Amino acid sequence: MNKADAEGVRLQKVLSQAGIASRRAAEDLIARGKVKVNGKPARLGQRVDPAGDVIHVSGKRVVTDVDTVHFALNKPRGVVSTMDDEEGRPSLSEYAKGIDQRVFHVGRLDTDSEGLILLTNDGELSNRIMHPSHGLPKVYRAQIAGILDKPTFKRLLTGVELDDGPAKADKLKIIDEHAGQSLVEITIHEGRKHIVRRMMDEAGHRVSRLVRTEIGPVKLRNLKPGTLRRLTPDEVGELYREVGL
């Protein structure tokens, strides 16, 4: 018996505490070969280190360290995307007061923008999400001045020239048009500053409201402004999968 088996926690208990399955269902997953520990098929009765061992269930990584947390926040307009603002402006720390662990934000939204931002203490995952090579898609709803004509629509998809290089939408959809304004949904994988607003300005359509609704597999859903929710194990597993962890 190795050290992990002698001193660790039973795998089925760890999976149950992580919200993956009941202990009995976890035993079934192990028996069917759906669980791997550090890249090797798990054994029934195996003990693991929840804080150190890497566990996958059905190909998705499971975060079993109870001190590692992941939250989605609906950032309100007017809040600065920092954990502490030197000028005393409303910051993200005001919405993290109910979290026991010290967390940091993943990515940014400009002060006038709203919507989904991630809060976590998972440095490994955060670094992967932020790295340009992974390019997680991000979805925004933008209220813009004017009606998008077909040439402009196509131009946003093929690329517009900005002062720091070309940029294009991965996907673009018109949600509504009314009273000389349009509501559009735009998907991009870049993280350059004010990228959506600058793209729309270059195309001749000023953004009056911008809301981020998705980051990779994580969706804002019906989360109210100024509130947060813990990510589900499935969401965390999908995030890990999309960044190669």
C-alpha atoms as a PDB file:
ATOM      1  CA  MET A   1       0.000   0.000   0.000  1.00  0.00           C
ATOM      2  CA  ASN A   2       1.465   3.338  -1.031  1.00  0.00           C
ATOM      3  CA  LYS A   3       1.426   6.506   1.037  1.00  0.00           C
ATOM      4  CA  ALA A   4      -1.656   7.912  -0.729  1.00  0.00           C
ATOM      5  CA  ASP A   5      -3.586   4.719  -0.016  1.00  0.00           C
ATOM      6  CA  ALA A   6      -2.478   4.724   3.638  1.00  0.00           C
ATOM      7  CA  GLU A   7      -3.102   8.368   4.447  1.00  0.00           C
ATOM      8  CA  GLY A   8      -5.573   9.632   1.866  1.00  0.00           C
ATOM      9  CA  VAL A   9      -9.349   9.753   1.646  1.00  0.00           C
ATOM     10  CA  ARG A  10     -11.436   7.097  -0.077  1.00  0.00           C
ATOM     11  CA  LEU A  11     -12.000   8.096  -3.687  1.00  0.00           C
ATOM     12  CA  GLN A  12     -15.753   7.561  -3.638  1.00  0.00           C
ATOM     13  CA  LYS A  13     -16.036   9.911  -0.644  1.00  0.00           C
ATOM     14  CA  VAL A  14     -13.968  12.561  -2.423  1.00  0.00           C
ATOM     15  CA  LEU A  15     -16.166  12.338  -5.533  1.00  0.00           C
ATOM     16  CA  SER A  16     -19.290  12.573  -3.407  1.00  0.00           C
ATOM     17  CA  GLN A  17     -18.022  15.647  -1.554  1.00  0.00           C
ATOM     18  CA  ALA A  18     -17.147  17.240  -4.902  1.00  0.00           C
ATOM     19  CA  GLY A  19     -20.775  16.897  -5.977  1.00  0.00           C
ATOM     20  CA  ILE A  20     -20.041  14.405  -8.754  1.00  0.00           C
ATOM     21  CA  ALA A  21     -22.161  11.500  -7.528  1.00  0.00           C
ATOM     22  CA  SER A  22     -23.337   9.705  -4.413  1.00  0.00           C
ATOM     23  CA  ARG A  23     -20.822   7.306  -2.905  1.00  0.00           C
ATOM     24  CA  ARG A  24     -22.626   4.310  -4.377  1.00  0.00           C
ATOM     25  CA  ALA A  25     -22.826   5.937  -7.812  1.00  0.00           C
ATOM     26  CA  ALA A  26     -19.143   6.903  -7.519  1.00  0.00           C
ATOM     27  CA  GLU A  27     -18.254   3.258  -6.838  1.00  0.00           C
ATOM     28  CA  ASP A  28     -20.141   2.301  -9.992  1.00  0.00           C
ATOM     29  CA  LEU A  29     -18.236   4.913 -12.016  1.00  0.00           C
ATOM     30  CA  ILE A  30     -14.947   3.532 -10.672  1.00  0.00           C
ATOM     31  CA  ALA A  31     -15.957  -0.049 -11.420  1.00  0.00           C
ATOM     32  CA  ARG A  32     -16.882   0.891 -14.998  1.00  0.00           C
ATOM     33  CA  GLY A  33     -13.488   2.487 -15.578  1.00  0.00           C
ATOM     34  CA  LYS A  34     -14.829   6.039 -15.823  1.00  0.00           C
ATOM     35  CA  VAL A  35     -12.465   7.452 -13.194  1.00  0.00           C
ATOM     36  CA  LYS A  36      -8.741   8.127 -13.492  1.00  0.00           C
ATOM     37  CA  VAL A  37      -6.316   9.298 -10.820  1.00  0.00           C
ATOM     38  CA  ASN A  38      -3.142  10.954 -12.063  1.00  0.00           C
ATOM     39  CA  GLY A  39      -3.789   9.500 -15.504  1.00  0.00           C
ATOM     40  CA  LYS A  40      -4.275   5.896 -14.353  1.00  0.00           C
ATOM     41  CA  PRO A  41      -7.557   3.929 -13.988  1.00  0.00           C
ATOM     42  CA  ALA A  42      -8.861   4.205 -10.439  1.00  0.00           C
ATOM     43  CA  ARG A  43      -9.367   1.200  -8.150  1.00  0.00           C
ATOM     44  CA  LEU A  44     -12.292   0.498  -5.872  1.00  0.00           C
ATOM     45  CA  GLY A  45     -11.308   1.425  -2.332  1.00  0.00           C
ATOM     46  CA  GLN A  46      -8.430   3.595  -3.518  1.00  0.00           C
ATOM     47  CA  ARG A  47      -7.418   6.471  -1.277  1.00  0.00           C
ATOM     48  CA  VAL A  48      -6.367   9.803  -2.735  1.00  0.00           C
ATOM     49  CA  ASP A  49      -5.048  13.212  -1.730  1.00  0.00           C
ATOM     50  CA  PRO A  50      -7.891  15.644  -2.608  1.00  0.00           C
ATOM     51  CA  ALA A  51      -5.504  18.608  -2.653  1.00  0.00           C
ATOM     52  CA  GLY A  52      -2.758  17.001  -4.738  1.00  0.00           C
ATOM     53  CA  ASP A  53      -4.061  14.213  -6.968  1.00  0.00           C
ATOM     54  CA  VAL A  54      -5.492  14.962 -10.413  1.00  0.00           C
ATOM     55  CA  ILE A  55      -8.813  13.185 -10.890  1.00  0.00           C
ATOM     56  CA  HIS A  56     -10.832  12.836 -14.105  1.00  0.00           C
ATOM     57  CA  VAL A  57     -14.349  11.444 -14.432  1.00  0.00           C
ATOM     58  CA  SER A  58     -15.524  10.530 -17.928  1.00  0.00           C
ATOM     59  CA  GLY A  59     -12.652  12.579 -19.347  1.00  0.00           C
ATOM     60  CA  LYS A  60     -13.374  15.732 -17.341  1.00  0.00           C
ATOM     61  CA  ARG A  61     -11.162  16.955 -14.540  1.00  0.00           C
ATOM     62  CA  VAL A  62     -12.774  17.140 -11.116  1.00  0.00           C
ATOM     63  CA  VAL A  63     -11.670  19.740  -8.576  1.00  0.00           C
ATOM     64  CA  THR A  64     -11.605  17.887  -5.272  1.00  0.00           C
ATOM     65  CA  ASP A  65      -9.664  20.350  -3.123  1.00  0.00           C
ATOM     66  CA  VAL A  66     -12.364  21.906  -0.932  1.00  0.00           C
ATOM     67  CA  ASP A  67     -10.315  25.102  -0.624  1.00  0.00           C
ATOM     68  CA  THR A  68     -10.327  25.693  -4.408  1.00  0.00           C
ATOM     69  CA  VAL A  69     -13.392  27.706  -5.414  1.00  0.00           C
ATOM     70  CA  HIS A  70     -14.885  29.041  -8.642  1.00  0.00           C
ATOM     71  CA  PHE A  71     -17.655  31.639  -8.847  1.00  0.00           C
ATOM     72  CA  ALA A  72     -19.556  33.502 -11.542  1.00  0.00           C
ATOM     73  CA  LEU A  73     -20.399  37.147 -10.818  1.00  0.00           C
ATOM     74  CA  ASN A  74     -22.767  39.424 -12.715  1.00  0.00           C
ATOM     75  CA  LYS A  75     -20.742  42.631 -12.536  1.00  0.00           C
ATOM     76  CA  PRO A  76     -22.983  45.717 -12.461  1.00  0.00           C
ATOM     77  CA  ARG A  77     -22.267  48.784 -14.538  1.00  0.00           C
ATOM     78  CA  GLY A  78     -20.058  51.306 -12.726  1.00  0.00           C
ATOM     79  CA  VAL A  79     -18.001  48.684 -10.884  1.00  0.00           C
ATOM     80  CA  VAL A  80     -14.249  48.597 -11.512  1.00  0.00           C
ATOM     81  CA  SER A  81     -12.785  45.202 -12.481  1.00  0.00           C
ATOM     82  CA  THR A  82     -10.230  45.115  -9.666  1.00  0.00           C
ATOM     83  CA  MET A  83     -10.366  43.564  -6.228  1.00  0.00           C
ATOM     84  CA  ASP A  84      -9.417  46.892  -4.636  1.00  0.00           C
ATOM     85  CA  ASP A  85      -9.543  50.359  -6.195  1.00  0.00           C
ATOM     86  CA  GLU A  86      -7.107  53.027  -4.990  1.00  0.00           C
ATOM     87  CA  GLU A  87      -9.586  55.788  -5.878  1.00  0.00           C
ATOM     88  CA  GLY A  88     -12.308  54.295  -3.714  1.00  0.00           C
ATOM     89  CA  ARG A  89     -14.629  53.385  -6.568  1.00  0.00           C
ATOM     90  CA  PRO A  90     -16.923  50.327  -6.239  1.00  0.00           C
ATOM     91  CA  SER A  91     -14.827  47.222  -6.912  1.00  0.00           C
ATOM     92  CA  LEU A  92     -15.237  43.461  -7.136  1.00  0.00           C
ATOM     93  CA  SER A  93     -14.208  42.945  -3.513  1.00  0.00           C
ATOM     94  CA  GLU A  94     -17.631  44.195  -2.419  1.00  0.00           C
ATOM     95  CA  TYR A  95     -19.212  41.145  -4.044  1.00  0.00           C
ATOM     96  CA  ALA A  96     -16.675  38.632  -2.718  1.00  0.00           C
ATOM     97  CA  LYS A  97     -17.308  39.329   0.967  1.00  0.00           C
ATOM     98  CA  GLY A  98     -19.332  36.136   1.358  1.00  0.00           C
ATOM     99  CA  ILE A  99     -16.507  33.943   0.042  1.00  0.00           C
ATOM    100  CA  ASP A 100     -14.309  32.441   2.767  1.00  0.00           C
ATOM    101  CA  GLN A 101     -11.268  32.075   0.518  1.00  0.00           C
ATOM    102  CA  ARG A 102      -9.291  34.960  -0.922  1.00  0.00           C
ATOM    103  CA  VAL A 103     -10.179  35.091  -4.611  1.00  0.00           C
ATOM    104  CA  PHE A 104      -9.085  37.075  -7.654  1.00  0.00           C
ATOM    105  CA  HIS A 105     -10.848  37.930 -10.898  1.00  0.00           C
ATOM    106  CA  VAL A 106     -10.180  36.224 -14.230  1.00  0.00           C
ATOM    107  CA  GLY A 107     -10.161  38.768 -17.033  1.00  0.00           C
ATOM    108  CA  ARG A 108     -11.710  42.201 -17.020  1.00  0.00           C
ATOM    109  CA  LEU A 109     -14.772  44.177 -18.025  1.00  0.00           C
ATOM    110  CA  ASP A 110     -14.509  47.925 -18.435  1.00  0.00           C
ATOM    111  CA  THR A 111     -16.308  50.040 -15.851  1.00  0.00           C
ATOM    112  CA  ASP A 112     -19.253  50.851 -18.137  1.00  0.00           C
ATOM    113  CA  SER A 113     -19.772  47.213 -19.150  1.00  0.00           C
ATOM    114  CA  GLU A 114     -21.775  44.597 -17.296  1.00  0.00           C
ATOM    115  CA  GLY A 115     -22.074  40.866 -17.021  1.00  0.00           C
ATOM    116  CA  LEU A 116     -20.147  37.697 -16.434  1.00  0.00           C
ATOM    117  CA  ILE A 117     -16.785  37.713 -14.696  1.00  0.00           C
ATOM    118  CA  LEU A 118     -15.126  34.791 -12.919  1.00  0.00           C
ATOM    119  CA  LEU A 119     -13.791  34.870  -9.354  1.00  0.00           C
ATOM    120  CA  THR A 120     -11.492  32.070  -8.190  1.00  0.00           C
ATOM    121  CA  ASN A 121      -8.356  31.143  -6.264  1.00  0.00           C
ATOM    122  CA  ASP A 122      -7.435  28.550  -8.908  1.00  0.00           C
ATOM    123  CA  GLY A 123      -4.232  30.012 -10.301  1.00  0.00           C
ATOM    124  CA  GLU A 124      -3.551  27.187 -12.729  1.00  0.00           C
ATOM    125  CA  LEU A 125      -6.934  27.478 -14.395  1.00  0.00           C
ATOM    126  CA  SER A 126      -6.858  31.274 -14.366  1.00  0.00           C
ATOM    127  CA  ASN A 127      -3.486  31.390 -16.137  1.00  0.00           C
ATOM    128  CA  ARG A 128      -4.741  29.047 -18.847  1.00  0.00           C
ATOM    129  CA  ILE A 129      -7.950  31.021 -19.401  1.00  0.00           C
ATOM    130  CA  MET A 130      -6.012  34.277 -19.687  1.00  0.00           C
ATOM    131  CA  HIS A 131      -3.354  32.926 -22.039  1.00  0.00           C
ATOM    132  CA  PRO A 132      -4.028  34.009 -25.657  1.00  0.00           C
ATOM    133  CA  SER A 133      -3.188  30.544 -27.015  1.00  0.00           C
ATOM    134  CA  HIS A 134      -6.398  29.078 -25.585  1.00  0.00           C
ATOM    135  CA  GLY A 135      -8.724  31.834 -26.761  1.00  0.00           C
ATOM    136  CA  LEU A 136     -11.878  30.888 -24.885  1.00  0.00           C
ATOM    137  CA  PRO A 137     -14.905  32.276 -26.758  1.00  0.00           C
ATOM    138  CA  LYS A 138     -16.729  35.103 -25.002  1.00  0.00           C
ATOM    139  CA  VAL A 139     -20.269  36.148 -25.889  1.00  0.00           C
ATOM    140  CA  TYR A 140     -21.586  39.697 -25.515  1.00  0.00           C
ATOM    141  CA  ARG A 141     -24.938  41.415 -26.000  1.00  0.00           C
ATOM    142  CA  ALA A 142     -24.393  44.928 -27.368  1.00  0.00           C
ATOM    143  CA  GLN A 143     -26.976  47.696 -27.737  1.00  0.00           C
ATOM    144  CA  ILE A 144     -25.751  49.806 -30.650  1.00  0.00           C
ATOM    145  CA  ALA A 145     -26.806  52.947 -32.482  1.00  0.00           C
ATOM    146  CA  GLY A 146     -28.184  52.370 -35.960  1.00  0.00           C
ATOM    147  CA  ILE A 147     -29.164  49.329 -37.988  1.00  0.00           C
ATOM    148  CA  LEU A 148     -26.497  46.934 -39.223  1.00  0.00           C
ATOM    149  CA  ASP A 149     -26.562  46.678 -43.004  1.00  0.00           C
ATOM    150  CA  LYS A 150     -25.283  43.590 -44.821  1.00  0.00           C
ATOM    151  CA  PRO A 151     -21.878  45.031 -45.818  1.00  0.00           C
ATOM    152  CA  THR A 152     -21.138  46.116 -42.232  1.00  0.00           C
ATOM    153  CA  PHE A 153     -22.365  42.789 -40.866  1.00  0.00           C
ATOM    154  CA  LYS A 154     -20.001  40.954 -43.228  1.00  0.00           C
ATOM    155  CA  ARG A 155     -17.137  43.341 -42.426  1.00  0.00           C
ATOM    156  CA  LEU A 156     -17.385  42.625 -38.709  1.00  0.00           C
ATOM    157  CA  LEU A 157     -17.084  38.912 -39.474  1.00  0.00           C
ATOM    158  CA  THR A 158     -14.200  39.257 -41.929  1.00  0.00           C
ATOM    159  CA  GLY A 159     -12.303  41.862 -39.905  1.00  0.00           C
ATOM    160  CA  VAL A 160     -12.019  45.556 -39.117  1.00  0.00           C
ATOM    161  CA  GLU A 161      -8.731  47.395 -38.747  1.00  0.00           C
ATOM    162  CA  LEU A 162      -8.021  48.822 -35.289  1.00  0.00           C
ATOM    163  CA  ASP A 163      -5.050  50.862 -34.091  1.00  0.00           C
ATOM    164  CA  ASP A 164      -3.476  47.721 -32.574  1.00  0.00           C
ATOM    165  CA  GLY A 165      -4.247  45.367 -35.441  1.00  0.00           C
ATOM    166  CA  PRO A 166      -7.215  43.701 -37.152  1.00  0.00           C
ATOM    167  CA  ALA A 167     -10.094  42.203 -35.189  1.00  0.00           C
ATOM    168  CA  LYS A 168     -13.117  40.159 -36.191  1.00  0.00           C
ATOM    169  CA  ALA A 169     -16.160  38.516 -34.691  1.00  0.00           C
ATOM    170  CA  ASP A 170     -16.278  34.725 -34.598  1.00  0.00           C
ATOM    171  CA  LYS A 171     -20.071  34.874 -34.698  1.00  0.00           C
ATOM    172  CA  LEU A 172     -22.555  37.722 -35.035  1.00  0.00           C
ATOM    173  CA  LYS A 173     -26.324  37.704 -34.670  1.00  0.00           C
ATOM    174  CA  ILE A 174     -28.944  40.447 -34.752  1.00  0.00           C
ATOM    175  CA  ILE A 175     -31.337  39.963 -31.838  1.00  0.00           C
ATOM    176  CA  ASP A 176     -33.601  42.985 -32.311  1.00  0.00           C
ATOM    177  CA  GLU A 177     -33.932  46.242 -34.241  1.00  0.00           C
ATOM    178  CA  HIS A 178     -36.090  49.093 -32.966  1.00  0.00           C
ATOM    179  CA  ALA A 179     -36.223  52.896 -33.063  1.00  0.00           C
ATOM    180  CA  GLY A 180     -32.942  53.290 -34.867  1.00  0.00           C
ATOM    181  CA  GLN A 181     -31.042  50.937 -32.554  1.00  0.00           C
ATOM    182  CA  SER A 182     -29.961  47.309 -32.732  1.00  0.00           C
ATOM    183  CA  LEU A 183     -29.338  44.609 -30.162  1.00  0.00           C
ATOM    184  CA  VAL A 184     -26.651  42.255 -31.401  1.00  0.00           C
ATOM    185  CA  GLU A 185     -24.927  39.192 -30.012  1.00  0.00           C
ATOM    186  CA  ILE A 186     -21.227  39.001 -30.792  1.00  0.00           C
ATOM    187  CA  THR A 187     -18.804  36.164 -30.060  1.00  0.00           C
ATOM    188  CA  ILE A 188     -15.059  36.809 -29.921  1.00  0.00           C
ATOM    189  CA  HIS A 189     -12.091  34.924 -28.505  1.00  0.00           C
ATOM    190  CA  GLU A 190      -9.760  37.889 -27.993  1.00  0.00           C
ATOM    191  CA  GLY A 191      -9.115  39.762 -24.765  1.00  0.00           C
ATOM    192  CA  ARG A 192      -7.840  43.104 -26.016  1.00  0.00           C
ATOM    193  CA  LYS A 193      -9.012  46.165 -24.099  1.00  0.00           C
ATOM    194  CA  HIS A 194     -12.432  47.513 -25.128  1.00  0.00           C
ATOM    195  CA  ILE A 195     -12.310  45.199 -28.141  1.00  0.00           C
ATOM    196  CA  VAL A 196     -16.087  45.007 -28.777  1.00  0.00           C
ATOM    197  CA  ARG A 197     -16.660  48.742 -28.330  1.00  0.00           C
ATOM    198  CA  ARG A 198     -13.719  49.578 -30.611  1.00  0.00           C
ATOM    199  CA  MET A 199     -14.865  47.150 -33.293  1.00  0.00           C
ATOM    200  CA  MET A 200     -18.340  48.645 -33.311  1.00  0.00           C
ATOM    201  CA  ASP A 201     -16.989  52.210 -33.327  1.00  0.00           C
ATOM    202  CA  GLU A 202     -14.831  51.368 -36.335  1.00  0.00           C
ATOM    203  CA  ALA A 203     -17.901  49.953 -38.059  1.00  0.00           C
ATOM    204  CA  GLY A 204     -19.833  53.175 -37.326  1.00  0.00           C
ATOM    205  CA  HIS A 205     -22.102  51.908 -34.540  1.00  0.00           C
ATOM    206  CA  ARG A 206     -21.548  53.311 -31.037  1.00  0.00           C
ATOM    207  CA  VAL A 207     -22.239  50.890 -28.177  1.00  0.00           C
ATOM    208  CA  SER A 208     -24.588  52.242 -25.522  1.00  0.00           C
ATOM    209  CA  ARG A 209     -24.749  49.086 -23.415  1.00  0.00           C
ATOM    210  CA  LEU A 210     -22.530  46.007 -23.308  1.00  0.00           C
ATOM    211  CA  VAL A 211     -23.202  42.822 -21.344  1.00  0.00           C
ATOM    212  CA  ARG A 212     -20.984  39.734 -21.350  1.00  0.00           C
ATOM    213  CA  THR A 213     -23.173  36.640 -21.155  1.00  0.00           C
ATOM    214  CA  GLU A 214     -20.743  33.736 -21.634  1.00  0.00           C
ATOM    215  CA  ILE A 215     -17.115  32.763 -21.045  1.00  0.00           C
ATOM    216  CA  GLY A 216     -16.436  29.414 -22.674  1.00  0.00           C
ATOM    217  CA  PRO A 217     -18.873  26.885 -21.159  1.00  0.00           C
ATOM    218  CA  VAL A 218     -19.950  29.246 -18.350  1.00  0.00           C
ATOM    219  CA  LYS A 219     -23.167  31.199 -18.950  1.00  0.00           C
ATOM    220  CA  LEU A 220     -24.577  34.163 -17.065  1.00  0.00           C
ATOM    221  CA  ARG A 221     -28.026  32.547 -17.041  1.00  0.00           C
ATOM    222  CA  ASN A 222     -30.524  34.465 -14.911  1.00  0.00           C
ATOM    223  CA  LEU A 223     -27.944  35.710 -12.408  1.00  0.00           C
ATOM    224  CA  LYS A 224     -29.011  39.126 -11.149  1.00  0.00           C
ATOM    225  CA  PRO A 225     -26.586  42.095 -11.261  1.00  0.00           C
ATOM    226  CA  GLY A 226     -24.390  42.197  -8.174  1.00  0.00           C
ATOM    227  CA  THR A 227     -24.912  38.544  -7.273  1.00  0.00           C
ATOM    228  CA  LEU A 228     -22.708  35.499  -7.663  1.00  0.00           C
ATOM    229  CA  ARG A 229     -23.086  31.749  -7.844  1.00  0.00           C
ATOM    230  CA  ARG A 230     -20.685  28.839  -7.432  1.00  0.00           C
ATOM    231  CA  LEU A 231     -19.827  27.112 -10.696  1.00  0.00           C
ATOM    232  CA  THR A 232     -21.128  23.571 -11.054  1.00  0.00           C
ATOM    233  CA  PRO A 233     -18.642  20.669 -11.172  1.00  0.00           C
ATOM    234  CA  ASP A 234     -19.589  20.194 -14.825  1.00  0.00           C
ATOM    235  CA  GLU A 235     -18.805  23.842 -15.653  1.00  0.00           C
ATOM    236  CA  VAL A 236     -15.431  23.620 -13.920  1.00  0.00           C
ATOM    237  CA  GLY A 237     -14.669  20.348 -15.695  1.00  0.00           C
ATOM    238  CA  GLU A 238     -15.548  21.883 -19.067  1.00  0.00           C
ATOM    239  CA  LEU A 239     -13.331  24.900 -18.334  1.00  0.00           C
ATOM    240  CA  TYR A 240     -10.436  22.591 -17.542  1.00  0.00           C
ATOM    241  CA  ARG A 241     -11.057  20.573 -20.695  1.00  0.00           C
ATOM    242  CA  GLU A 242     -11.169  23.634 -22.932  1.00  0.00           C
ATOM    243  CA  VAL A 243      -7.814  24.904 -21.648  1.00  0.00           C
ATOM    244  CA  GLY A 244      -6.138  21.507 -21.774  1.00  0.00           C
ATOM    245  CA  LEU A 245      -5.961  20.615 -18.081  1.00  0.00           C
END
